[in-house]
Amino acid sequence: MSATHTLTRHSDIQSWVTDRKGIPAFARIRNRFGEEKSKLLLRFVRSQGGTLDDGMSPCSWTAWFAELDRQQLALKVTQAGDCELVPRAALN
């Protein structure tokens, strides 16, 4: 098995994230022109009583996947449990 693999199916992504106690979230960011854009995030509870990161808003899986598809992203994961969102175009 390779050290990393990329998930594109919604059910695979949701299973991988929830197995690691993660939830979907958005952050609203502004570009240099002041235009607001959604940034997809995954938030993981690393310890008991941990605080939530500022600027992150939990959202439904439906909304998160809609934005994932709109931005044409996939989830790249490692055996160590790390993850990052990558462009699907890079997979071809």
C-alpha atoms as a PDB file:
ATOM      1  CA  MET A   1       0.000   0.000   0.000  1.00  0.00           C
ATOM      2  CA  SER A   2       1.354   3.437  -0.903  1.00  0.00           C
ATOM      3  CA  ALA A   3       2.106   6.048   1.733  1.00  0.00           C
ATOM      4  CA  THR A   4      -0.480   8.420   0.255  1.00  0.00           C
ATOM      5  CA  HIS A   5      -3.668   8.079  -1.728  1.00  0.00           C
ATOM      6  CA  THR A   6      -6.315  10.468  -2.981  1.00  0.00           C
ATOM      7  CA  LEU A   7     -10.016  10.230  -2.203  1.00  0.00           C
ATOM      8  CA  THR A   8     -12.620  11.650  -4.579  1.00  0.00           C
ATOM      9  CA  ARG A   9     -15.820   9.771  -3.665  1.00  0.00           C
ATOM     10  CA  HIS A  10     -17.912  11.638  -1.105  1.00  0.00           C
ATOM     11  CA  SER A  11     -18.622   8.517   0.951  1.00  0.00           C
ATOM     12  CA  ASP A  12     -14.905   7.653   1.162  1.00  0.00           C
ATOM     13  CA  ILE A  13     -13.984  11.182   2.224  1.00  0.00           C
ATOM     14  CA  GLN A  14     -16.730  11.372   4.852  1.00  0.00           C
ATOM     15  CA  SER A  15     -15.774   7.960   6.280  1.00  0.00           C
ATOM     16  CA  TRP A  16     -12.068   8.849   6.438  1.00  0.00           C
ATOM     17  CA  VAL A  17     -12.761  12.162   8.196  1.00  0.00           C
ATOM     18  CA  THR A  18     -15.370  10.897  10.671  1.00  0.00           C
ATOM     19  CA  ASP A  19     -13.194   7.893  11.571  1.00  0.00           C
ATOM     20  CA  ARG A  20     -10.633  10.456  12.746  1.00  0.00           C
ATOM     21  CA  LYS A  21     -13.194  12.545  14.652  1.00  0.00           C
ATOM     22  CA  GLY A  22     -13.271  15.282  12.030  1.00  0.00           C
ATOM     23  CA  ILE A  23     -16.042  17.560  10.860  1.00  0.00           C
ATOM     24  CA  PRO A  24     -16.441  19.710   7.741  1.00  0.00           C
ATOM     25  CA  ALA A  25     -16.009  23.481   8.056  1.00  0.00           C
ATOM     26  CA  PHE A  26     -15.725  26.662   5.999  1.00  0.00           C
ATOM     27  CA  ALA A  27     -13.627  29.743   6.470  1.00  0.00           C
ATOM     28  CA  ARG A  28     -14.509  32.962   4.693  1.00  0.00           C
ATOM     29  CA  ILE A  29     -11.408  34.686   3.334  1.00  0.00           C
ATOM     30  CA  ARG A  30     -10.972  37.864   1.321  1.00  0.00           C
ATOM     31  CA  ASN A  31      -8.607  38.214  -1.607  1.00  0.00           C
ATOM     32  CA  ARG A  32      -6.570  41.353  -2.277  1.00  0.00           C
ATOM     33  CA  PHE A  33      -9.542  42.886  -4.107  1.00  0.00           C
ATOM     34  CA  GLY A  34     -11.819  42.439  -1.085  1.00  0.00           C
ATOM     35  CA  GLU A  35     -13.867  39.658  -2.670  1.00  0.00           C
ATOM     36  CA  GLU A  36     -15.016  36.996  -0.211  1.00  0.00           C
ATOM     37  CA  LYS A  37     -14.321  33.355  -1.003  1.00  0.00           C
ATOM     38  CA  SER A  38     -15.055  30.088   0.797  1.00  0.00           C
ATOM     39  CA  LYS A  39     -12.094  28.044   1.905  1.00  0.00           C
ATOM     40  CA  LEU A  40     -12.816  24.397   2.668  1.00  0.00           C
ATOM     41  CA  LEU A  41     -11.439  23.079   5.939  1.00  0.00           C
ATOM     42  CA  LEU A  42     -11.610  19.932   8.001  1.00  0.00           C
ATOM     43  CA  ARG A  43     -11.523  20.326  11.762  1.00  0.00           C
ATOM     44  CA  PHE A  44     -10.269  17.498  13.947  1.00  0.00           C
ATOM     45  CA  VAL A  45     -10.666  17.164  17.699  1.00  0.00           C
ATOM     46  CA  ARG A  46      -7.136  16.354  18.827  1.00  0.00           C
ATOM     47  CA  SER A  47      -7.651  16.366  22.591  1.00  0.00           C
ATOM     48  CA  GLN A  48     -10.404  16.488  25.185  1.00  0.00           C
ATOM     49  CA  GLY A  49     -11.600  20.010  25.890  1.00  0.00           C
ATOM     50  CA  GLY A  50      -9.688  21.483  22.959  1.00  0.00           C
ATOM     51  CA  THR A  51     -10.707  24.879  21.652  1.00  0.00           C
ATOM     52  CA  LEU A  52     -12.018  25.476  18.163  1.00  0.00           C
ATOM     53  CA  ASP A  53      -9.990  27.488  15.696  1.00  0.00           C
ATOM     54  CA  ASP A  54     -11.171  31.055  15.115  1.00  0.00           C
ATOM     55  CA  GLY A  55     -12.604  31.807  11.728  1.00  0.00           C
ATOM     56  CA  MET A  56     -13.875  28.295  11.138  1.00  0.00           C
ATOM     57  CA  SER A  57     -17.591  27.631  10.808  1.00  0.00           C
ATOM     58  CA  PRO A  58     -18.885  24.065  10.964  1.00  0.00           C
ATOM     59  CA  CYS A  59     -21.146  23.157   8.057  1.00  0.00           C
ATOM     60  CA  SER A  60     -23.103  20.204   6.746  1.00  0.00           C
ATOM     61  CA  TRP A  61     -21.480  17.525   4.655  1.00  0.00           C
ATOM     62  CA  THR A  62     -23.866  18.433   1.826  1.00  0.00           C
ATOM     63  CA  ALA A  63     -22.666  22.052   1.730  1.00  0.00           C
ATOM     64  CA  TRP A  64     -19.024  21.010   2.113  1.00  0.00           C
ATOM     65  CA  PHE A  65     -19.221  18.481  -0.728  1.00  0.00           C
ATOM     66  CA  ALA A  66     -21.002  20.994  -2.974  1.00  0.00           C
ATOM     67  CA  GLU A  67     -18.087  23.395  -2.498  1.00  0.00           C
ATOM     68  CA  LEU A  68     -15.537  20.569  -2.923  1.00  0.00           C
ATOM     69  CA  ASP A  69     -17.094  19.710  -6.286  1.00  0.00           C
ATOM     70  CA  ARG A  70     -17.403  23.355  -7.328  1.00  0.00           C
ATOM     71  CA  GLN A  71     -13.694  23.903  -6.651  1.00  0.00           C
ATOM     72  CA  GLN A  72     -12.820  20.521  -8.260  1.00  0.00           C
ATOM     73  CA  LEU A  73     -10.834  19.318  -5.233  1.00  0.00           C
ATOM     74  CA  ALA A  74      -9.960  15.896  -3.827  1.00  0.00           C
ATOM     75  CA  LEU A  75      -8.643  14.793  -0.421  1.00  0.00           C
ATOM     76  CA  LYS A  76      -5.069  13.484  -0.349  1.00  0.00           C
ATOM     77  CA  VAL A  77      -4.420  11.352   2.756  1.00  0.00           C
ATOM     78  CA  THR A  78      -1.390   9.636   4.269  1.00  0.00           C
ATOM     79  CA  GLN A  79      -1.018   6.525   6.387  1.00  0.00           C
ATOM     80  CA  ALA A  80       0.067   8.819   9.233  1.00  0.00           C
ATOM     81  CA  GLY A  81      -3.392  10.431   9.196  1.00  0.00           C
ATOM     82  CA  ASP A  82      -2.420  13.715   7.559  1.00  0.00           C
ATOM     83  CA  CYS A  83      -4.580  15.197   4.816  1.00  0.00           C
ATOM     84  CA  GLU A  84      -4.744  18.063   2.365  1.00  0.00           C
ATOM     85  CA  LEU A  85      -7.104  19.256  -0.327  1.00  0.00           C
ATOM     86  CA  VAL A  86      -5.595  19.031  -3.815  1.00  0.00           C
ATOM     87  CA  PRO A  87      -6.878  19.928  -7.291  1.00  0.00           C
ATOM     88  CA  ARG A  88      -8.493  17.005  -9.113  1.00  0.00           C
ATOM     89  CA  ALA A  89      -6.790  18.139 -12.314  1.00  0.00           C
ATOM     90  CA  ALA A  90      -3.466  17.115 -10.751  1.00  0.00           C
ATOM     91  CA  LEU A  91      -4.712  13.515 -10.580  1.00  0.00           C
ATOM     92  CA  ASN A  92      -4.933  13.034 -14.369  1.00  0.00           C
END
